[in-house]
Amino acid sequence: MEIEISVNDNNLKIAADSIVSDLLTNLNYQNTKGIAVALNGEVLAKDEWRRRVLKSKDKVTIITATQGG
């Protein structure tokens, strides 16, 4: 069974009972250094990524830090 969530304002279908770390893996975020994830406006600590189950209609924001000058 699949659910639909929003990731950075794009709708995405994922497997039901997916956790945040599953989502990041599926989106090819292999190196999570410099990445922040917010779920429904709440920034999640990295240790929550393996515990937080995504639900239908959740809004996920993934922010990647970049170096600049």
Protein backbone atom coordinates (compact mmCIF):
# COMPACT_ATOMS: atom_id res chain seq x y z
CA MET A 1 0.00 0.00 0.00
CA GLU A 2 1.21 3.51 -0.79
CA ILE A 3 0.64 6.91 0.74
CA GLU A 4 1.12 10.36 -0.75
CA ILE A 5 3.30 12.95 0.92
CA SER A 6 4.79 16.28 -0.11
CA VAL A 7 8.58 16.63 -0.34
CA ASN A 8 9.84 20.17 -0.93
CA ASP A 9 6.40 21.03 -2.36
CA ASN A 10 6.38 18.06 -4.78
CA ASN A 11 3.86 15.25 -4.32
CA LEU A 12 5.41 11.82 -3.94
CA LYS A 13 3.99 8.34 -3.42
CA ILE A 14 5.89 6.15 -1.00
CA ALA A 15 5.32 2.83 0.73
CA ALA A 16 3.06 2.99 3.77
CA ASP A 17 4.98 2.75 7.07
CA SER A 18 8.09 4.36 5.55
CA ILE A 19 10.33 6.22 7.95
CA VAL A 20 12.22 9.44 7.25
CA SER A 21 15.54 7.63 6.73
CA ASP A 22 13.85 5.35 4.13
CA LEU A 23 12.67 8.43 2.27
CA LEU A 24 16.16 9.94 2.24
CA THR A 25 17.62 6.69 0.92
CA ASN A 26 14.97 6.48 -1.81
CA LEU A 27 15.76 10.07 -2.82
CA ASN A 28 19.50 9.20 -3.07
CA TYR A 29 20.64 11.21 -0.04
CA GLN A 30 23.46 8.81 0.75
CA ASN A 31 25.59 11.30 2.63
CA THR A 32 23.35 12.99 5.18
CA LYS A 33 26.04 15.34 6.47
CA GLY A 34 24.78 18.91 6.07
CA ILE A 35 21.14 17.85 5.66
CA ALA A 36 18.22 19.03 7.76
CA VAL A 37 14.73 17.55 7.62
CA ALA A 38 11.51 19.18 8.77
CA LEU A 39 8.28 17.23 9.07
CA ASN A 40 5.13 19.33 9.03
CA GLY A 41 7.18 22.38 10.02
CA GLU A 42 9.08 20.67 12.86
CA VAL A 43 12.82 20.21 12.40
CA LEU A 44 13.78 16.64 13.29
CA ALA A 45 16.96 15.61 15.08
CA LYS A 46 18.92 13.02 13.09
CA ASP A 47 18.21 10.33 15.67
CA GLU A 48 14.47 10.81 14.95
CA TRP A 49 14.90 9.94 11.26
CA ARG A 50 14.95 6.21 12.03
CA ARG A 51 11.91 6.40 14.33
CA ARG A 52 9.53 8.82 12.68
CA VAL A 53 6.94 7.06 10.51
CA LEU A 54 5.58 9.11 7.62
CA LYS A 55 1.82 9.45 7.24
CA SER A 56 -0.41 10.37 4.33
CA LYS A 57 -0.43 14.12 3.61
CA ASP A 58 2.77 14.76 5.60
CA LYS A 59 4.87 17.69 4.40
CA VAL A 60 8.59 17.03 4.37
CA THR A 61 11.17 19.73 3.75
CA ILE A 62 14.75 18.66 3.03
CA ILE A 63 17.40 21.35 3.23
CA THR A 64 20.98 20.80 2.08
CA ALA A 65 23.71 23.09 3.35
CA THR A 66 26.07 24.36 0.68
CA GLN A 67 29.37 26.14 0.87
CA GLY A 68 29.71 29.46 -0.79
CA GLY A 69 31.77 32.52 -0.75
